[in-house]
């Protein structure tokens, strides 16, 4: 499994509308083959800062499957105008896992 991580800085004053549109955009990303789950976390200290975490079965599911899809174009229309600066997206693979 691959974890996609993006730190999102939303233009100040647009946080609530971003959250509404992000919830709508979820249907596009979750319909892609290889998608596992995703979450959006909001920073406590900086109200316009978020972290997006998406689990994919493979890197290709994100970079090829989602990014080259019509669903991505809809995701982009809903969300990309909120970001300043535009986020860097990184991918991680698990090395060590701990659970209680």
Foldseek 3Di string as FASTA:
>chain_A
DKKKKKKFQFPPPCLVVLVVLVVVLVVLLVVFPQWDDKDKAADPVDRRIIMIITGGNDPCSPPPGRVVDPSVVVSCVSHVVGGVVGIDMDMDDDDDDDDD
